Amino acid sequence: MINCSRLLRVGETEREVKKHRNKAAKDVPKHLIRYSKVYSPMVVWNITRECNLSCPVCHLGSAPTADDGELSTEEATDLIDQMATMGVPLITVYGGEPLMRRDFLDLASYAHEKGLRMIFSTNATLITKKTAKKIKNSGITYVGIDLDGLAQQSGNGFDVLEGLKGSMLAIRRLREVGVGCGVRITIGEFNSAMLPEITAAIEKAGIRRFAVCQVLEGRPWREIGEERRKMMDFLIDYAANSPEMEVVTEHVYADGVYILERLKRRDPRRARRISNLLRMQGGCPAGRKLINIDHLGYLHPCIYWKECTIGNVRDTGLSELWTHGNTILEKLRNRREHLKGKCGKCSYSEMCGGCRSRAERYLGDCFRSDPACYFH
């Protein structure tokens, strides 16, 4: 993720980073982990495949029922013990829909008892008053509301505004018990022109954090790149003029470089400071600062790279897999030596590095250029 708001508020972010950069994982605020010297990985955990919705744009491989081979409660508890021993700084839980797994909040409570921080993403449909209280009691302090499901169930195609409207009851219930929340929206050719209207609605709803995910397939890459430039121009200006809002973009680490390039002529000193933050963040964290564990216990470099499997926690300990997983992890941690084409020549590879899963999926080689890069 690229936190546009925190990059633009570079002075404030620098002070926070300096204060927390050398602290133990448990003492680093979650929004600063990407800049810290924490050596254990952030974990993205797909805790179940089961979901109560069926969305055409789902990127998680959700299904109406859970797989028989999902990690049991005992296996999941053991995995949490391993993460605690490793000092994992943050666990982000996805599904399917996490709340479809009956023991999820019990597992969250156990992780909290072990000193781990856990947040999760949900489609918001299962958050009753009782569930909101259980979420609070589990130690979870932040919930991400993914509007895709409700947006697609609206009956009007993919309507983010309807999705936002449908999620507000769940958001109010979380607020009432003191759990923070933000929303995630998907932007594509079907609604990119509505971005000003969508952000205005999010702001009016009193939500102070939103993440933007662009549909990165189905059209020529040049067309997608032009759409992203327009989207980023709007989001940068919006974030600069909305200091109370936290604006985040997903899955394209060139966004940070785009912010840097826009500021180079306008404010060179500020651009240099942003450059330092981007170097500390290090671009795409897949296999370097982050790992994905799926519902069957398989490890992947990131949530979008299911084709690349490192091992399974049922067979080998998480720490062992992370430390001595396989050649791909070694290469990702030294990716500048292996990047090819445009990414290999790019002077910003240290700050971005492109998406290796996208390169493999569309070009057949994970170290070739990221096809979604929108720099000429």
Protein backbone atom coordinates (compact mmCIF):
# COMPACT_ATOMS: atom_id res chain seq x y z
CA MET A 1 0.00 0.00 0.00
CA ILE A 2 1.02 3.60 -0.58
CA ASN A 3 -0.28 5.97 2.08
CA CYS A 4 -0.59 9.14 0.02
CA SER A 5 -1.61 11.24 3.00
CA ARG A 6 1.32 10.29 5.20
CA LEU A 7 3.80 10.84 2.37
CA LEU A 8 2.40 14.31 1.72
CA ARG A 9 2.54 15.08 5.47
CA VAL A 10 6.22 14.19 5.29
CA GLY A 11 7.39 16.29 8.26
CA GLU A 12 4.94 14.66 10.65
CA THR A 13 5.70 11.19 9.26
CA GLU A 14 9.47 11.71 9.53
CA ARG A 15 9.17 12.63 13.20
CA GLU A 16 7.07 9.54 13.91
CA VAL A 17 9.42 7.27 11.97
CA LYS A 18 12.48 8.61 13.76
CA LYS A 19 10.78 8.02 17.10
CA HIS A 20 9.76 4.41 16.36
CA ARG A 21 12.17 3.13 13.68
CA ASN A 22 14.38 1.08 16.01
CA LYS A 23 11.72 -0.16 18.43
CA ALA A 24 10.49 -3.72 18.87
CA ALA A 25 7.58 -4.74 16.64
CA LYS A 26 5.00 -4.59 19.43
CA ASP A 27 5.91 -0.96 20.13
CA VAL A 28 5.70 0.32 16.54
CA PRO A 29 2.30 1.79 15.52
CA LYS A 30 0.84 -0.30 12.72
CA HIS A 31 0.87 2.58 10.22
CA LEU A 32 4.65 2.92 10.70
CA ILE A 33 5.63 -0.74 10.37
CA ARG A 34 6.38 -0.27 6.66
CA TYR A 35 9.14 2.23 7.57
CA SER A 36 10.55 0.44 10.60
CA LYS A 37 13.47 -1.96 11.00
CA VAL A 38 11.21 -4.78 12.16
CA TYR A 39 12.60 -7.99 10.66
CA SER A 40 9.68 -10.34 11.21
CA PRO A 41 7.11 -10.22 8.41
CA MET A 42 3.66 -8.74 8.47
CA VAL A 43 1.26 -11.64 7.88
CA VAL A 44 -1.78 -11.54 5.61
CA TRP A 45 -3.90 -14.52 6.61
CA ASN A 46 -6.79 -15.86 4.54
CA ILE A 47 -8.42 -17.62 7.44
CA THR A 48 -11.25 -19.20 5.43
CA ARG A 49 -12.46 -19.41 1.87
CA GLU A 50 -16.11 -19.36 2.88
CA CYS A 51 -18.12 -16.23 2.08
CA ASN A 52 -21.80 -15.37 2.28
CA LEU A 53 -21.62 -13.25 -0.89
CA SER A 54 -20.66 -14.12 -4.46
CA CYS A 55 -18.83 -11.27 -6.18
CA PRO A 56 -17.58 -11.38 -9.80
CA VAL A 57 -14.53 -9.22 -9.00
CA CYS A 58 -13.44 -11.21 -5.93
CA HIS A 59 -9.64 -11.61 -5.93
CA LEU A 60 -9.58 -13.91 -2.90
CA GLY A 61 -10.97 -17.09 -4.45
CA SER A 62 -13.98 -17.12 -2.12
CA ALA A 63 -16.58 -19.88 -2.19
CA PRO A 64 -20.07 -20.52 -0.72
CA THR A 65 -18.72 -23.22 1.62
CA ALA A 66 -15.49 -23.78 3.53
CA ASP A 67 -12.91 -26.23 2.22
CA ASP A 68 -12.51 -29.47 4.17
CA GLY A 69 -8.77 -28.93 4.45
CA GLU A 70 -8.85 -25.57 6.22
CA LEU A 71 -6.60 -25.20 9.24
CA SER A 72 -8.36 -26.52 12.33
CA THR A 73 -8.76 -24.44 15.48
CA GLU A 74 -5.84 -26.30 17.03
CA GLU A 75 -3.65 -25.75 13.96
CA ALA A 76 -4.62 -22.08 13.77
CA THR A 77 -3.81 -21.64 17.47
CA ASP A 78 -0.41 -23.25 16.95
CA LEU A 79 0.21 -20.90 14.01
CA ILE A 80 -0.61 -17.93 16.26
CA ASP A 81 1.90 -19.25 18.81
CA GLN A 82 4.53 -19.35 16.07
CA MET A 83 3.72 -15.79 14.98
CA ALA A 84 4.00 -14.61 18.57
CA THR A 85 7.41 -16.29 18.95
CA MET A 86 8.58 -14.60 15.73
CA GLY A 87 7.34 -11.19 16.88
CA VAL A 88 5.08 -10.67 13.86
CA PRO A 89 4.21 -6.95 13.93
CA LEU A 90 0.74 -7.18 12.37
CA ILE A 91 -1.73 -9.83 11.23
CA THR A 92 -4.28 -8.76 8.63
CA VAL A 93 -7.07 -11.31 8.26
CA TYR A 94 -9.05 -11.85 5.06
CA GLY A 95 -11.37 -14.58 3.88
CA GLY A 96 -13.62 -15.31 2.08
CA GLU A 97 -15.44 -13.56 4.86
CA PRO A 98 -13.58 -14.02 8.19
CA LEU A 99 -16.77 -13.81 10.24
CA MET A 100 -18.09 -16.94 8.49
CA ARG A 101 -15.49 -18.91 10.44
CA ARG A 102 -17.08 -19.60 13.83
CA ASP A 103 -13.84 -19.62 15.80
CA PHE A 104 -12.39 -16.48 14.19
CA LEU A 105 -13.04 -14.08 17.08
CA ASP A 106 -11.85 -16.70 19.58
CA LEU A 107 -8.62 -16.95 17.58
CA ALA A 108 -8.40 -13.15 17.53
CA SER A 109 -8.74 -13.08 21.32
CA TYR A 110 -6.01 -15.68 21.64
CA ALA A 111 -3.72 -13.65 19.37
CA HIS A 112 -4.40 -10.58 21.51
CA GLU A 113 -3.50 -12.51 24.66
CA LYS A 114 -0.22 -13.44 22.96
CA GLY A 115 0.57 -9.78 22.38
CA LEU A 116 -0.18 -9.80 18.64
CA ARG A 117 -2.03 -7.08 16.77
CA MET A 118 -4.76 -8.26 14.45
CA ILE A 119 -7.04 -6.36 12.07
CA PHE A 120 -9.41 -7.80 9.50
CA SER A 121 -11.35 -7.08 6.32
CA THR A 122 -15.06 -7.79 6.04
CA ASN A 123 -18.00 -7.23 3.70
CA ALA A 124 -19.90 -5.80 6.73
CA THR A 125 -23.03 -7.91 6.28
CA LEU A 126 -22.53 -9.99 9.45
CA ILE A 127 -21.74 -7.23 11.94
CA THR A 128 -24.64 -7.20 14.37
CA LYS A 129 -24.55 -5.27 17.66
CA LYS A 130 -23.54 -8.48 19.43
CA THR A 131 -20.79 -9.21 16.89
CA ALA A 132 -19.45 -5.65 17.16
CA LYS A 133 -19.07 -6.12 20.93
CA LYS A 134 -17.31 -9.45 20.38
CA ILE A 135 -14.93 -7.77 17.91
CA LYS A 136 -14.14 -5.13 20.52
CA ASN A 137 -13.63 -7.73 23.25
CA SER A 138 -11.32 -9.77 21.02
CA GLY A 139 -8.74 -6.98 21.02
CA ILE A 140 -9.21 -6.03 17.37
CA THR A 141 -8.92 -2.26 17.09
CA TYR A 142 -9.47 -1.73 13.36
CA VAL A 143 -11.81 -3.23 10.77
CA GLY A 144 -11.55 -2.61 7.04
CA ILE A 145 -14.92 -2.56 5.28
CA ASP A 146 -14.59 -3.82 1.71
CA LEU A 147 -17.43 -2.22 -0.24
CA ASP A 148 -17.11 -4.51 -3.28
CA GLY A 149 -19.66 -7.06 -2.08
CA LEU A 150 -22.40 -4.61 -1.19
CA ALA A 151 -21.60 -2.52 -4.29
CA GLN A 152 -22.21 -5.54 -6.51
CA GLN A 153 -25.30 -6.69 -4.64
CA SER A 154 -27.02 -3.32 -5.15
CA GLY A 155 -28.86 -4.37 -8.32
CA ASN A 156 -27.42 -1.39 -10.21
CA GLY A 157 -24.22 -2.99 -11.42
CA PHE A 158 -21.13 -1.97 -9.46
CA ASP A 159 -22.37 0.94 -7.35
CA VAL A 160 -19.84 2.05 -4.70
CA LEU A 161 -22.25 4.65 -3.32
CA GLU A 162 -24.86 1.97 -2.68
CA GLY A 163 -22.15 -0.20 -1.15
CA LEU A 164 -21.21 2.62 1.20
CA LYS A 165 -24.84 3.20 2.12
CA GLY A 166 -25.32 -0.49 2.83
CA SER A 167 -22.28 -0.64 5.11
CA MET A 168 -23.17 2.32 7.34
CA LEU A 169 -25.14 0.31 9.88
CA ALA A 170 -22.14 -1.94 10.51
CA ILE A 171 -19.84 1.10 10.69
CA ARG A 172 -22.09 2.76 13.27
CA ARG A 173 -22.15 -0.41 15.36
CA LEU A 174 -18.35 -0.60 15.33
CA ARG A 175 -18.07 3.08 16.27
CA GLU A 176 -20.49 2.61 19.17
CA VAL A 177 -18.17 0.04 20.77
CA GLY A 178 -14.99 1.97 19.98
CA VAL A 179 -13.55 -0.03 17.07
CA GLY A 180 -11.93 2.02 14.31
CA CYS A 181 -12.85 1.37 10.70
CA GLY A 182 -12.20 2.53 7.16
CA VAL A 183 -13.42 1.50 3.73
CA ARG A 184 -11.94 0.03 0.57
CA ILE A 185 -13.32 0.98 -2.83
CA THR A 186 -12.71 -0.44 -6.31
CA ILE A 187 -12.28 1.93 -9.24
CA GLY A 188 -12.43 1.05 -12.93
CA GLU A 189 -13.71 2.37 -16.22
CA PHE A 190 -17.25 1.81 -14.92
CA ASN A 191 -16.94 4.45 -12.17
CA SER A 192 -13.61 6.34 -12.36
CA ALA A 193 -15.42 9.54 -13.36
CA MET A 194 -17.39 9.30 -10.09
CA LEU A 195 -14.31 9.42 -7.84
CA PRO A 196 -15.02 13.00 -6.66
CA GLU A 197 -18.60 12.03 -5.81
CA ILE A 198 -17.48 8.86 -4.04
CA THR A 199 -14.84 10.60 -1.90
CA ALA A 200 -17.35 13.32 -0.99
CA ALA A 201 -19.79 10.64 0.19
CA ILE A 202 -17.08 8.91 2.26
CA GLU A 203 -16.17 12.21 3.88
CA LYS A 204 -19.83 13.06 4.57
CA ALA A 205 -20.23 9.66 6.26
CA GLY A 206 -17.55 10.67 8.77
CA ILE A 207 -15.11 8.00 7.58
CA ARG A 208 -11.51 9.12 7.92
CA ARG A 209 -9.64 6.42 6.00
CA PHE A 210 -10.21 4.88 2.61
CA ALA A 211 -8.17 2.65 0.31
CA VAL A 212 -8.50 2.64 -3.47
CA CYS A 213 -8.03 -0.48 -5.59
CA GLN A 214 -8.08 -0.15 -9.39
CA VAL A 215 -9.22 -2.93 -11.71
CA LEU A 216 -5.95 -3.91 -13.40
CA GLU A 217 -7.08 -6.24 -16.16
CA GLY A 218 -9.40 -6.55 -19.12
CA ARG A 219 -8.10 -3.54 -21.06
CA PRO A 220 -4.88 -2.40 -22.76
CA TRP A 221 -2.21 -1.50 -20.20
CA ARG A 222 -1.75 1.96 -21.72
CA GLU A 223 -5.44 2.68 -21.16
CA ILE A 224 -5.22 1.43 -17.58
CA GLY A 225 -2.12 3.60 -17.03
CA GLU A 226 -3.87 6.73 -18.27
CA GLU A 227 -6.78 6.01 -15.96
CA ARG A 228 -4.41 5.57 -13.02
CA ARG A 229 -2.60 8.85 -13.72
CA LYS A 230 -5.92 10.69 -13.66
CA MET A 231 -6.94 8.84 -10.51
CA MET A 232 -3.65 9.65 -8.78
CA ASP A 233 -3.77 13.32 -9.80
CA PHE A 234 -7.17 13.57 -8.16
CA LEU A 235 -6.20 11.60 -5.03
CA ILE A 236 -2.97 13.57 -4.47
CA ASP A 237 -4.82 16.89 -4.69
CA TYR A 238 -7.61 15.55 -2.50
CA ALA A 239 -5.21 14.25 0.15
CA ALA A 240 -3.25 17.51 0.13
CA ASN A 241 -6.45 19.48 0.77
CA SER A 242 -8.01 17.04 3.24
CA PRO A 243 -5.55 16.72 6.15
CA GLU A 244 -8.13 14.93 8.29
CA MET A 245 -8.42 12.09 5.76
CA GLU A 246 -6.07 9.15 5.22
CA VAL A 247 -5.90 8.21 1.54
CA VAL A 248 -4.28 4.89 0.59
CA THR A 249 -3.75 3.18 -2.78
CA GLU A 250 -3.24 -0.54 -3.31
CA HIS A 251 -1.19 -2.89 -5.44
CA VAL A 252 0.84 -0.36 -7.51
CA TYR A 253 3.96 0.86 -5.72
CA ALA A 254 4.74 3.23 -8.58
CA ASP A 255 2.16 5.50 -6.91
CA GLY A 256 4.76 6.62 -4.36
CA VAL A 257 7.18 7.53 -7.16
CA TYR A 258 4.40 9.38 -8.97
CA ILE A 259 3.85 11.53 -5.86
CA LEU A 260 7.60 12.14 -5.70
CA GLU A 261 7.80 13.16 -9.38
CA ARG A 262 4.87 15.56 -9.03
CA LEU A 263 6.59 17.35 -6.16
CA LYS A 264 10.08 17.51 -7.65
CA ARG A 265 9.52 20.77 -9.50
CA ARG A 266 7.01 22.29 -7.09
CA ASP A 267 8.85 21.57 -3.84
CA PRO A 268 12.29 19.91 -4.33
CA ARG A 269 13.17 19.89 -0.63
CA ARG A 270 9.94 18.17 0.30
CA ALA A 271 10.44 15.72 -2.57
CA ARG A 272 13.86 14.73 -1.21
CA ARG A 273 12.34 13.98 2.18
CA ILE A 274 9.59 11.89 0.58
CA SER A 275 12.32 10.05 -1.34
CA ASN A 276 13.91 9.04 1.98
CA LEU A 277 10.59 7.67 3.26
CA LEU A 278 10.04 5.67 0.09
CA ARG A 279 13.51 4.15 0.39
CA MET A 280 12.78 3.13 3.98
CA GLN A 281 9.48 1.59 2.89
CA GLY A 282 11.31 -0.27 0.14
CA GLY A 283 8.50 -0.63 -2.38
CA CYS A 284 6.58 -3.86 -2.74
CA PRO A 285 7.01 -5.88 0.51
CA ALA A 286 6.08 -9.29 -0.96
CA GLY A 287 8.42 -11.93 0.43
CA ARG A 288 10.53 -9.20 2.02
CA LYS A 289 8.44 -7.63 4.75
CA LEU A 290 5.21 -9.50 4.18
CA ILE A 291 3.97 -13.05 3.70
CA ASN A 292 0.58 -14.55 2.92
CA ILE A 293 -0.85 -17.68 4.58
CA ASP A 294 -3.90 -19.15 2.90
CA HIS A 295 -6.78 -21.10 4.44
CA LEU A 296 -5.01 -24.41 3.80
CA GLY A 297 -1.77 -23.31 5.47
CA TYR A 298 0.24 -22.65 2.30
CA LEU A 299 2.64 -19.72 2.22
CA HIS A 300 2.79 -17.27 -0.68
CA PRO A 301 4.87 -14.09 -1.13
CA CYS A 302 1.67 -12.02 -1.12
CA ILE A 303 -2.10 -12.33 -1.27
CA TYR A 304 -2.09 -11.75 -5.05
CA TRP A 305 0.54 -14.39 -5.83
CA LYS A 306 -1.16 -17.70 -5.13
CA GLU A 307 0.67 -19.33 -8.03
CA CYS A 308 3.90 -19.09 -6.04
CA THR A 309 3.94 -21.48 -3.04
CA ILE A 310 6.79 -21.51 -0.52
CA GLY A 311 5.63 -24.35 1.71
CA ASN A 312 2.96 -25.31 4.22
CA VAL A 313 2.90 -24.58 7.96
CA ARG A 314 1.55 -28.09 8.57
CA ASP A 315 4.84 -29.52 7.34
CA THR A 316 7.38 -26.86 8.31
CA GLY A 317 7.41 -24.14 10.96
CA LEU A 318 6.57 -20.60 9.85
CA SER A 319 9.91 -19.24 11.04
CA GLU A 320 11.79 -21.91 9.12
CA LEU A 321 9.81 -21.22 5.95
CA TRP A 322 10.36 -17.48 6.28
CA THR A 323 14.07 -17.80 6.98
CA HIS A 324 14.94 -20.70 4.69
CA GLY A 325 11.89 -20.91 2.46
CA ASN A 326 13.18 -21.22 -1.09
CA THR A 327 15.08 -19.45 -3.85
CA ILE A 328 12.25 -17.07 -4.72
CA LEU A 329 12.38 -15.45 -1.27
CA GLU A 330 16.13 -14.95 -1.59
CA LYS A 331 15.65 -13.34 -4.99
CA LEU A 332 12.82 -11.10 -3.81
CA ARG A 333 15.01 -9.87 -0.95
CA ASN A 334 17.71 -9.03 -3.48
CA ARG A 335 15.36 -8.16 -6.32
CA ARG A 336 17.45 -5.33 -7.79
CA GLU A 337 19.96 -7.97 -8.92
CA HIS A 338 17.25 -9.87 -10.79
CA LEU A 339 14.91 -7.24 -12.25
CA LYS A 340 14.75 -7.11 -16.03
CA GLY A 341 13.55 -4.75 -18.72
CA LYS A 342 12.06 -1.43 -17.70
CA CYS A 343 12.03 -2.34 -14.00
CA GLY A 344 15.68 -3.41 -14.17
CA LYS A 345 16.72 -0.08 -15.69
CA CYS A 346 14.52 2.10 -13.48
CA SER A 347 16.34 4.40 -11.07
CA TYR A 348 13.39 4.06 -8.67
CA SER A 349 13.55 0.26 -8.34
CA GLU A 350 14.62 0.58 -4.70
CA MET A 351 11.48 2.59 -3.92
CA CYS A 352 9.05 0.55 -6.01
CA GLY A 353 10.31 -2.70 -7.53
CA GLY A 354 7.07 -3.27 -9.43
CA CYS A 355 4.69 -6.17 -8.90
CA ARG A 356 6.39 -9.53 -9.36
CA SER A 357 3.15 -11.53 -9.33
CA ARG A 358 1.68 -9.39 -12.12
CA ALA A 359 4.85 -9.76 -14.21
CA GLU A 360 4.68 -13.54 -13.86
CA ARG A 361 0.97 -13.74 -14.60
CA TYR A 362 1.02 -11.61 -17.75
CA LEU A 363 4.60 -11.93 -19.01
CA GLY A 364 5.62 -15.38 -17.77
CA ASP A 365 8.62 -14.18 -15.74
CA CYS A 366 8.23 -12.66 -12.28
CA PHE A 367 11.30 -10.44 -12.70
CA ARG A 368 10.26 -8.82 -15.95
CA SER A 369 8.72 -5.34 -16.03
CA ASP A 370 5.47 -4.71 -14.20
CA PRO A 371 2.90 -4.33 -17.01
CA ALA A 372 0.81 -1.95 -14.87
CA CYS A 373 3.62 0.60 -14.48
CA TYR A 374 2.28 3.88 -15.82
CA PHE A 375 5.56 5.78 -16.27
CA HIS A 376 6.70 6.43 -19.81
